[in-house]
Structures are given as structure tokens and as C-alpha cells.
Amino acid sequence: MDLHMKQFDGTTFGMAVEASSPAFRRMKKNAFNRKMALYGGIIERTVRCVRAADVAAIMGDAGWLVSEGRYMETIRWGDDPTEHYIIYEEGSGK
């Protein structure tokens, strides 16, 4: 399964992951809806979200891009066009 992520600066990043892995199944199961202000606070809408810790767990060695760098904004997987916003909790990462 392929992951496609977008950084806050618009740069995209892709990688393959094992769709049957426990970490990937946990991320999908833990996805949730959240009302967020988008586009600089101009538009508020409900979007799909995943926690940064769940994303980092499936990324292996590249997990630092999420856990330490906090570079990634959204993630989608496979052929599903739904973008999930990555939620960074306080106290994790930087």
C-alpha cells in the first residue's frame, strides 16, 4: 500500500507500507473527525484526522519527519482520495 503525504510547504512525500501491519490497522481504526479552521482561519469545516504518533509508527525510519520534525500536514493511502490531517498533540515532538 502506498502512503502519500503533503508537507506544510506543499512538498509531497510518498512511501510504501505493509497494509496488514498492526500499526497501519491501528492508524486507520483511530482516524476521527474534527472541526478545523482551514486556509488561515477563513473556512471552518469537519475533516478526517489521524494522530501524529500513529503516522510515525507506520513510517519506520522516516517516522522522524512526523514525530520530531512535524513536517507533514496531511496523509492519504492507497486509492482513497480522502486527505487526513495529521494532528500533533502538545508535548510530542518539538
C-alpha atoms as a PDB file:
ATOM      1  CA  MET A   1       0.000   0.000   0.000  1.00  0.00           C
ATOM      2  CA  ASP A   2       1.294   3.462  -0.812  1.00  0.00           C
ATOM      3  CA  LEU A   3       1.115   6.457   1.520  1.00  0.00           C
ATOM      4  CA  HIS A   4       1.026   9.959   0.112  1.00  0.00           C
ATOM      5  CA  MET A   5       1.780  12.860   2.456  1.00  0.00           C
ATOM      6  CA  LYS A   6       1.895  16.610   1.984  1.00  0.00           C
ATOM      7  CA  GLN A   7       4.177  18.856   3.985  1.00  0.00           C
ATOM      8  CA  PHE A   8       3.052  22.255   5.245  1.00  0.00           C
ATOM      9  CA  ASP A   9       5.135  23.896   2.484  1.00  0.00           C
ATOM     10  CA  GLY A  10       3.310  21.871  -0.203  1.00  0.00           C
ATOM     11  CA  THR A  11       6.102  19.360  -0.849  1.00  0.00           C
ATOM     12  CA  THR A  12       4.784  15.810  -1.266  1.00  0.00           C
ATOM     13  CA  PHE A  13       6.276  12.613   0.113  1.00  0.00           C
ATOM     14  CA  GLY A  14       5.358   9.015  -0.718  1.00  0.00           C
ATOM     15  CA  MET A  15       6.309   5.645   0.636  1.00  0.00           C
ATOM     16  CA  ALA A  16       5.123   2.046   0.648  1.00  0.00           C
ATOM     17  CA  VAL A  17       3.832   0.391   3.826  1.00  0.00           C
ATOM     18  CA  GLU A  18       2.512  -3.045   4.684  1.00  0.00           C
ATOM     19  CA  ALA A  19      -1.286  -2.705   4.730  1.00  0.00           C
ATOM     20  CA  SER A  20      -1.669  -5.683   7.060  1.00  0.00           C
ATOM     21  CA  SER A  21       0.712  -4.322   9.707  1.00  0.00           C
ATOM     22  CA  PRO A  22      -0.741  -3.710  13.176  1.00  0.00           C
ATOM     23  CA  ALA A  23       0.466  -0.086  13.097  1.00  0.00           C
ATOM     24  CA  PHE A  24      -1.343   0.660   9.823  1.00  0.00           C
ATOM     25  CA  ARG A  25      -4.551  -1.008  11.004  1.00  0.00           C
ATOM     26  CA  ARG A  26      -4.348   0.969  14.279  1.00  0.00           C
ATOM     27  CA  MET A  27      -3.932   4.286  12.414  1.00  0.00           C
ATOM     28  CA  LYS A  28      -6.956   3.569  10.212  1.00  0.00           C
ATOM     29  CA  LYS A  29      -9.060   2.433  13.186  1.00  0.00           C
ATOM     30  CA  ASN A  30      -8.093   5.520  15.237  1.00  0.00           C
ATOM     31  CA  ALA A  31      -8.968   8.040  12.463  1.00  0.00           C
ATOM     32  CA  PHE A  32     -11.520  10.599  13.623  1.00  0.00           C
ATOM     33  CA  ASN A  33     -13.462  13.677  12.501  1.00  0.00           C
ATOM     34  CA  ARG A  34     -12.594  17.135  13.801  1.00  0.00           C
ATOM     35  CA  LYS A  35     -13.876  20.593  13.027  1.00  0.00           C
ATOM     36  CA  MET A  36     -10.901  22.702  11.920  1.00  0.00           C
ATOM     37  CA  ALA A  37     -10.269  26.216  10.674  1.00  0.00           C
ATOM     38  CA  LEU A  38      -8.572  25.927   7.279  1.00  0.00           C
ATOM     39  CA  TYR A  39      -6.971  28.391   4.877  1.00  0.00           C
ATOM     40  CA  GLY A  40      -5.728  30.739   7.571  1.00  0.00           C
ATOM     41  CA  GLY A  41      -8.937  30.519   9.583  1.00  0.00           C
ATOM     42  CA  ILE A  42     -11.176  31.681   6.752  1.00  0.00           C
ATOM     43  CA  ILE A  43     -13.088  28.402   6.347  1.00  0.00           C
ATOM     44  CA  GLU A  44     -14.176  26.038   9.106  1.00  0.00           C
ATOM     45  CA  ARG A  45     -15.161  22.503   8.189  1.00  0.00           C
ATOM     46  CA  THR A  46     -15.140  18.970   9.537  1.00  0.00           C
ATOM     47  CA  VAL A  47     -12.237  16.898   8.216  1.00  0.00           C
ATOM     48  CA  ARG A  48     -10.794  13.421   8.746  1.00  0.00           C
ATOM     49  CA  CYS A  49      -7.774  13.296  11.060  1.00  0.00           C
ATOM     50  CA  VAL A  50      -5.139  10.902  12.373  1.00  0.00           C
ATOM     51  CA  ARG A  51      -2.729  11.310  15.273  1.00  0.00           C
ATOM     52  CA  ALA A  52       0.927  12.023  14.507  1.00  0.00           C
ATOM     53  CA  ALA A  53       2.067   9.176  16.786  1.00  0.00           C
ATOM     54  CA  ASP A  54       0.048   6.697  14.702  1.00  0.00           C
ATOM     55  CA  VAL A  55       1.518   8.053  11.450  1.00  0.00           C
ATOM     56  CA  ALA A  56       5.087   7.948  12.793  1.00  0.00           C
ATOM     57  CA  ALA A  57       4.600   4.315  13.859  1.00  0.00           C
ATOM     58  CA  ILE A  58       3.861   3.176  10.308  1.00  0.00           C
ATOM     59  CA  MET A  59       6.702   5.171   8.737  1.00  0.00           C
ATOM     60  CA  GLY A  60       9.588   3.223  10.286  1.00  0.00           C
ATOM     61  CA  ASP A  61      12.932   5.050   9.907  1.00  0.00           C
ATOM     62  CA  ALA A  62      11.185   8.013   8.230  1.00  0.00           C
ATOM     63  CA  GLY A  63       8.911   8.481  11.265  1.00  0.00           C
ATOM     64  CA  TRP A  64      11.104  11.372  12.462  1.00  0.00           C
ATOM     65  CA  LEU A  65       9.506  13.516   9.725  1.00  0.00           C
ATOM     66  CA  VAL A  66       6.348  13.425  11.834  1.00  0.00           C
ATOM     67  CA  SER A  67       7.493  12.709  15.395  1.00  0.00           C
ATOM     68  CA  GLU A  68      10.444  15.125  15.577  1.00  0.00           C
ATOM     69  CA  GLY A  69      10.222  17.380  12.548  1.00  0.00           C
ATOM     70  CA  ARG A  70       6.449  17.842  12.483  1.00  0.00           C
ATOM     71  CA  TYR A  71       6.797  18.487   8.751  1.00  0.00           C
ATOM     72  CA  MET A  72       3.748  16.625   7.449  1.00  0.00           C
ATOM     73  CA  GLU A  73       0.286  18.201   7.200  1.00  0.00           C
ATOM     74  CA  THR A  74      -1.875  15.542   5.523  1.00  0.00           C
ATOM     75  CA  ILE A  75      -1.775  11.860   4.624  1.00  0.00           C
ATOM     76  CA  ARG A  76      -3.795   9.638   2.320  1.00  0.00           C
ATOM     77  CA  TRP A  77      -3.325   5.989   1.422  1.00  0.00           C
ATOM     78  CA  GLY A  78      -3.973   3.644  -1.447  1.00  0.00           C
ATOM     79  CA  ASP A  79      -6.534   4.789  -3.994  1.00  0.00           C
ATOM     80  CA  ASP A  80      -8.652   6.574  -1.361  1.00  0.00           C
ATOM     81  CA  PRO A  81      -8.676  10.307  -2.204  1.00  0.00           C
ATOM     82  CA  THR A  82      -9.574  11.304   1.394  1.00  0.00           C
ATOM     83  CA  GLU A  83      -6.899  13.508   2.923  1.00  0.00           C
ATOM     84  CA  HIS A  84      -6.459  13.004   6.648  1.00  0.00           C
ATOM     85  CA  TYR A  85      -4.990  15.913   8.589  1.00  0.00           C
ATOM     86  CA  ILE A  86      -2.167  14.894  10.923  1.00  0.00           C
ATOM     87  CA  ILE A  87      -2.846  16.084  14.471  1.00  0.00           C
ATOM     88  CA  TYR A  88       0.186  16.898  16.592  1.00  0.00           C
ATOM     89  CA  GLU A  89      -0.520  16.729  20.319  1.00  0.00           C
ATOM     90  CA  GLU A  90       1.169  19.103  22.724  1.00  0.00           C
ATOM     91  CA  GLY A  91       4.219  17.653  24.380  1.00  0.00           C
ATOM     92  CA  SER A  92       5.147  15.399  21.449  1.00  0.00           C
ATOM     93  CA  GLY A  93       7.954  16.224  19.056  1.00  0.00           C
ATOM     94  CA  LYS A  94       9.489  19.726  19.226  1.00  0.00           C
END
